[in-house]
């Protein structure tokens, strides 16, 4: 008689991710949760040894983390966990507020039905994002879609120069369930104002969104600093 024990069980398959993705996600979470402190030098060979992998997926993870502002690749020295002072954060958000609020003003009269449909689609995708990395990418596309309609390449270049800090902070925010909900609600309010062609409301909503993001990051940095001192 053939043994069929277990054949009828409905056990879902184990999720399989490429090795480089596993290494990237592990390192990213270690940076976000503070296991890897700012200014920590990350040795490619040592991490590969600890994680029982070859140096290649670690090197690929470094590149992805650098694109997200979470590490800095220093020639001949390797990767270092990014560190931004409170002064850096403040300066960046002051510039971001000035640029992005004004670009919202410019974008509202230009945005068409296609643009609104794209924003609505991205908004829905953000609610269904599978992970933090995907959420950051979607939320970034929401902001890029709005600023693209400003049709001001010089201002866009200035805003792009702030990208490292902005993407770094979006990653920090994405790992907070409370902040994720607030970001979604703020985006809903912002897109509604844009669709209504209400320029003052759209400007104020964008300003509030940026200031709330700034406050969250400052509190997180202060909290982490206090933990490290203790």
Protein backbone atom coordinates (compact mmCIF):
# COMPACT_ATOMS: atom_id res chain seq x y z
CA UNK A 1 0.00 0.00 0.00
CA UNK A 2 1.38 3.37 -1.01
CA UNK A 3 2.03 5.83 1.84
CA UNK A 4 0.06 9.05 1.14
CA UNK A 5 0.51 10.68 4.55
CA UNK A 6 0.69 14.47 4.11
CA UNK A 7 -0.47 14.49 0.47
CA UNK A 8 -3.76 16.21 1.36
CA UNK A 9 -2.29 18.93 3.55
CA UNK A 10 -2.72 22.49 2.25
CA UNK A 11 0.67 23.90 3.22
CA UNK A 12 1.67 27.10 1.40
CA UNK A 13 5.06 27.07 -0.32
CA UNK A 14 7.99 28.78 1.39
CA UNK A 15 8.64 32.15 -0.17
CA UNK A 16 11.86 32.25 -2.12
CA UNK A 17 13.82 35.43 -2.59
CA UNK A 18 17.10 35.87 -4.45
CA UNK A 19 20.10 35.83 -2.14
CA UNK A 20 21.04 39.43 -2.97
CA UNK A 21 17.53 40.57 -1.94
CA UNK A 22 17.76 38.72 1.38
CA UNK A 23 21.15 40.30 2.11
CA UNK A 24 19.88 43.75 1.12
CA UNK A 25 16.74 43.49 3.29
CA UNK A 26 18.71 42.18 6.27
CA UNK A 27 21.24 45.01 6.11
CA UNK A 28 18.54 47.60 5.52
CA UNK A 29 16.56 46.55 8.58
CA UNK A 30 19.75 46.55 10.66
CA UNK A 31 20.37 50.16 9.64
CA UNK A 32 16.77 51.28 10.16
CA UNK A 33 16.44 49.68 13.60
CA UNK A 34 19.80 51.03 14.76
CA UNK A 35 21.75 47.76 14.95
CA UNK A 36 24.16 49.34 12.47
CA UNK A 37 24.76 52.80 13.91
CA UNK A 38 25.44 55.92 11.79
CA UNK A 39 29.09 56.24 10.74
CA UNK A 40 29.64 52.49 11.16
CA UNK A 41 32.04 51.14 8.56
CA UNK A 42 30.62 48.09 6.79
CA UNK A 43 33.21 45.57 5.68
CA UNK A 44 32.16 43.66 2.58
CA UNK A 45 34.30 40.64 3.44
CA UNK A 46 33.34 40.57 7.13
CA UNK A 47 29.62 40.86 6.41
CA UNK A 48 29.86 38.16 3.75
CA UNK A 49 31.53 35.89 6.29
CA UNK A 50 28.96 36.65 9.01
CA UNK A 51 26.04 36.09 6.67
CA UNK A 52 27.61 33.01 5.11
CA UNK A 53 27.41 34.38 1.56
CA UNK A 54 29.87 35.44 -1.11
CA UNK A 55 30.93 39.13 -1.31
CA UNK A 56 28.88 39.68 -4.50
CA UNK A 57 25.37 39.96 -2.91
CA UNK A 58 26.83 42.16 -0.16
CA UNK A 59 28.36 44.46 -2.79
CA UNK A 60 25.01 44.63 -4.62
CA UNK A 61 23.24 45.43 -1.34
CA UNK A 62 25.69 48.28 -0.71
CA UNK A 63 24.83 49.78 -4.10
CA UNK A 64 21.08 49.64 -3.41
CA UNK A 65 21.48 51.08 0.08
CA UNK A 66 23.66 53.88 -1.29
CA UNK A 67 20.94 54.76 -3.83
CA UNK A 68 18.53 55.07 -0.90
CA UNK A 69 20.82 57.34 1.10
CA UNK A 70 21.29 54.72 3.82
CA UNK A 71 25.01 54.16 3.22
CA UNK A 72 27.76 56.12 1.54
CA UNK A 73 30.31 54.44 -0.69
CA UNK A 74 33.71 56.00 -0.04
CA UNK A 75 36.35 55.22 -2.70
CA UNK A 76 39.10 52.89 -1.42
CA UNK A 77 37.42 52.69 1.99
CA UNK A 78 34.13 50.90 1.38
CA UNK A 79 30.64 51.53 2.74
CA UNK A 80 29.75 53.60 5.78
CA UNK A 81 26.28 53.93 7.34
CA UNK A 82 25.00 57.41 6.49
CA UNK A 83 24.84 60.02 9.20
CA UNK A 84 22.86 63.25 9.01
CA UNK A 85 22.99 65.81 11.79
CA UNK A 86 19.89 67.65 12.99
CA UNK A 87 21.30 70.74 11.26
CA UNK A 88 21.59 68.78 7.97
CA UNK A 89 17.99 67.62 8.32
CA UNK A 90 16.72 71.11 9.14
CA UNK A 91 18.54 72.73 6.21
CA UNK A 92 17.29 70.06 3.82
CA UNK A 93 13.67 70.35 4.87
CA UNK A 94 13.71 74.13 4.69
CA UNK A 95 14.93 73.87 1.10
CA UNK A 96 12.48 71.08 0.33
CA UNK A 97 9.55 73.05 1.71
CA UNK A 98 10.42 76.14 -0.32
CA UNK A 99 10.91 74.17 -3.54
CA UNK A 100 8.18 71.57 -3.36
CA UNK A 101 5.44 73.87 -2.11
CA UNK A 102 6.13 76.34 -4.92
CA UNK A 103 6.34 73.52 -7.48
CA UNK A 104 2.93 72.34 -6.27
CA UNK A 105 1.59 75.83 -6.99
CA UNK A 106 3.00 75.61 -10.51
CA UNK A 107 1.77 72.06 -11.05
CA UNK A 108 -1.90 72.48 -10.12
CA UNK A 109 -2.96 74.50 -13.20
CA UNK A 110 -1.01 72.17 -15.49
CA UNK A 111 -2.08 68.78 -14.19
CA UNK A 112 -4.59 67.01 -16.44
CA UNK A 113 -6.93 64.03 -16.10
CA UNK A 114 -4.10 61.69 -17.02
CA UNK A 115 -1.97 63.12 -14.22
CA UNK A 116 -4.78 62.81 -11.67
CA UNK A 117 -5.45 59.21 -12.76
CA UNK A 118 -1.77 58.41 -12.28
CA UNK A 119 -1.77 59.96 -8.80
CA UNK A 120 -4.91 58.01 -7.85
CA UNK A 121 -3.35 54.80 -9.13
CA UNK A 122 -0.14 55.39 -7.16
CA UNK A 123 -2.18 56.23 -4.06
CA UNK A 124 -3.98 52.89 -4.32
CA UNK A 125 -0.70 51.07 -4.90
CA UNK A 126 0.79 52.69 -1.80
CA UNK A 127 -2.03 51.23 0.28
CA UNK A 128 -1.29 47.75 -1.09
CA UNK A 129 2.53 47.95 -1.03
CA UNK A 130 4.08 44.56 -0.24
CA UNK A 131 7.06 45.92 1.68
CA UNK A 132 8.78 49.10 2.84
CA UNK A 133 11.05 49.38 -0.19
CA UNK A 134 8.10 49.23 -2.57
CA UNK A 135 6.24 51.83 -0.50
CA UNK A 136 9.17 54.25 -0.66
CA UNK A 137 9.34 53.85 -4.45
CA UNK A 138 5.61 54.49 -4.85
CA UNK A 139 5.54 57.50 -2.53
CA UNK A 140 8.54 58.95 -4.34
CA UNK A 141 6.67 58.58 -7.65
CA UNK A 142 3.70 60.48 -6.20
CA UNK A 143 5.94 63.45 -5.43
CA UNK A 144 7.81 63.18 -8.73
CA UNK A 145 4.53 63.13 -10.68
CA UNK A 146 3.44 66.38 -9.02
CA UNK A 147 6.76 68.18 -9.46
CA UNK A 148 7.02 67.04 -13.10
CA UNK A 149 3.86 69.02 -13.85
CA UNK A 150 5.54 72.18 -12.54
CA UNK A 151 7.55 72.19 -15.80
CA UNK A 152 10.56 73.82 -14.16
CA UNK A 153 13.76 71.90 -14.83
CA UNK A 154 15.94 74.20 -12.69
CA UNK A 155 13.79 73.74 -9.60
CA UNK A 156 13.65 70.00 -10.27
CA UNK A 157 17.47 69.87 -10.36
CA UNK A 158 17.65 71.74 -7.05
CA UNK A 159 15.14 69.34 -5.50
CA UNK A 160 17.08 66.34 -6.86
CA UNK A 161 20.18 67.62 -5.05
CA UNK A 162 18.34 66.93 -1.76
CA UNK A 163 17.49 63.38 -2.80
CA UNK A 164 19.89 61.53 -0.47
CA UNK A 165 18.34 62.93 2.70
CA UNK A 166 14.76 62.76 1.39
CA UNK A 167 15.00 59.09 0.32
CA UNK A 168 16.86 58.22 3.52
CA UNK A 169 14.03 59.74 5.57
CA UNK A 170 11.31 58.10 3.49
CA UNK A 171 12.89 54.76 4.30
CA UNK A 172 12.87 55.55 8.03
CA UNK A 173 9.22 56.62 7.85
CA UNK A 174 8.20 53.51 5.88
CA UNK A 175 9.09 51.27 8.82
CA UNK A 176 6.67 53.10 11.14
CA UNK A 177 3.10 51.81 10.83
CA UNK A 178 1.71 55.01 12.39
CA UNK A 179 3.66 57.29 10.06
CA UNK A 180 2.70 55.16 7.04
CA UNK A 181 -0.99 55.74 7.83
CA UNK A 182 -0.43 59.48 8.27
CA UNK A 183 1.49 59.72 4.99
CA UNK A 184 -1.35 57.98 3.15
CA UNK A 185 -3.93 60.33 4.67
CA UNK A 186 -1.80 63.38 3.81
CA UNK A 187 -1.41 62.17 0.23
CA UNK A 188 -5.19 61.70 -0.05
CA UNK A 189 -5.75 65.27 1.11
CA UNK A 190 -3.05 66.59 -1.23
CA UNK A 191 -4.33 64.79 -4.33
CA UNK A 192 -7.91 65.89 -3.58
CA UNK A 193 -6.79 69.52 -3.42
CA UNK A 194 -4.86 69.17 -6.68
CA UNK A 195 -7.85 67.58 -8.43
CA UNK A 196 -10.06 70.42 -7.17
CA UNK A 197 -7.54 72.90 -8.65
CA UNK A 198 -7.42 74.53 -5.22
CA UNK A 199 -3.94 76.06 -5.27
CA UNK A 200 -3.87 77.52 -1.72
CA UNK A 201 -5.14 74.25 -0.22
CA UNK A 202 -2.69 72.16 -2.27
CA UNK A 203 0.21 74.38 -1.18
CA UNK A 204 -0.77 74.25 2.48
CA UNK A 205 -1.32 70.48 2.38
CA UNK A 206 2.09 69.91 0.80
CA UNK A 207 3.69 72.22 3.40
CA UNK A 208 1.98 70.35 6.26
CA UNK A 209 3.04 67.00 4.78
CA UNK A 210 6.70 68.05 4.59
CA UNK A 211 6.71 69.60 8.08
CA UNK A 212 5.10 66.48 9.59
CA UNK A 213 7.78 64.36 7.92
CA UNK A 214 10.48 66.61 9.33
CA UNK A 215 9.06 66.41 12.85
CA UNK A 216 8.88 62.61 12.69
CA UNK A 217 12.51 62.28 11.56
CA UNK A 218 13.79 64.72 14.20
CA UNK A 219 11.98 62.85 16.98
CA UNK A 220 13.30 59.51 15.72
CA UNK A 221 16.89 60.80 15.62
CA UNK A 222 16.61 62.32 19.10
CA UNK A 223 15.14 59.08 20.45
CA UNK A 224 17.95 57.02 18.89
CA UNK A 225 20.57 59.41 20.26
CA UNK A 226 19.13 59.11 23.77
CA UNK A 227 19.13 55.31 23.53
CA UNK A 228 22.77 55.30 22.42
CA UNK A 229 23.80 57.56 25.31
CA UNK A 230 22.07 55.27 27.78
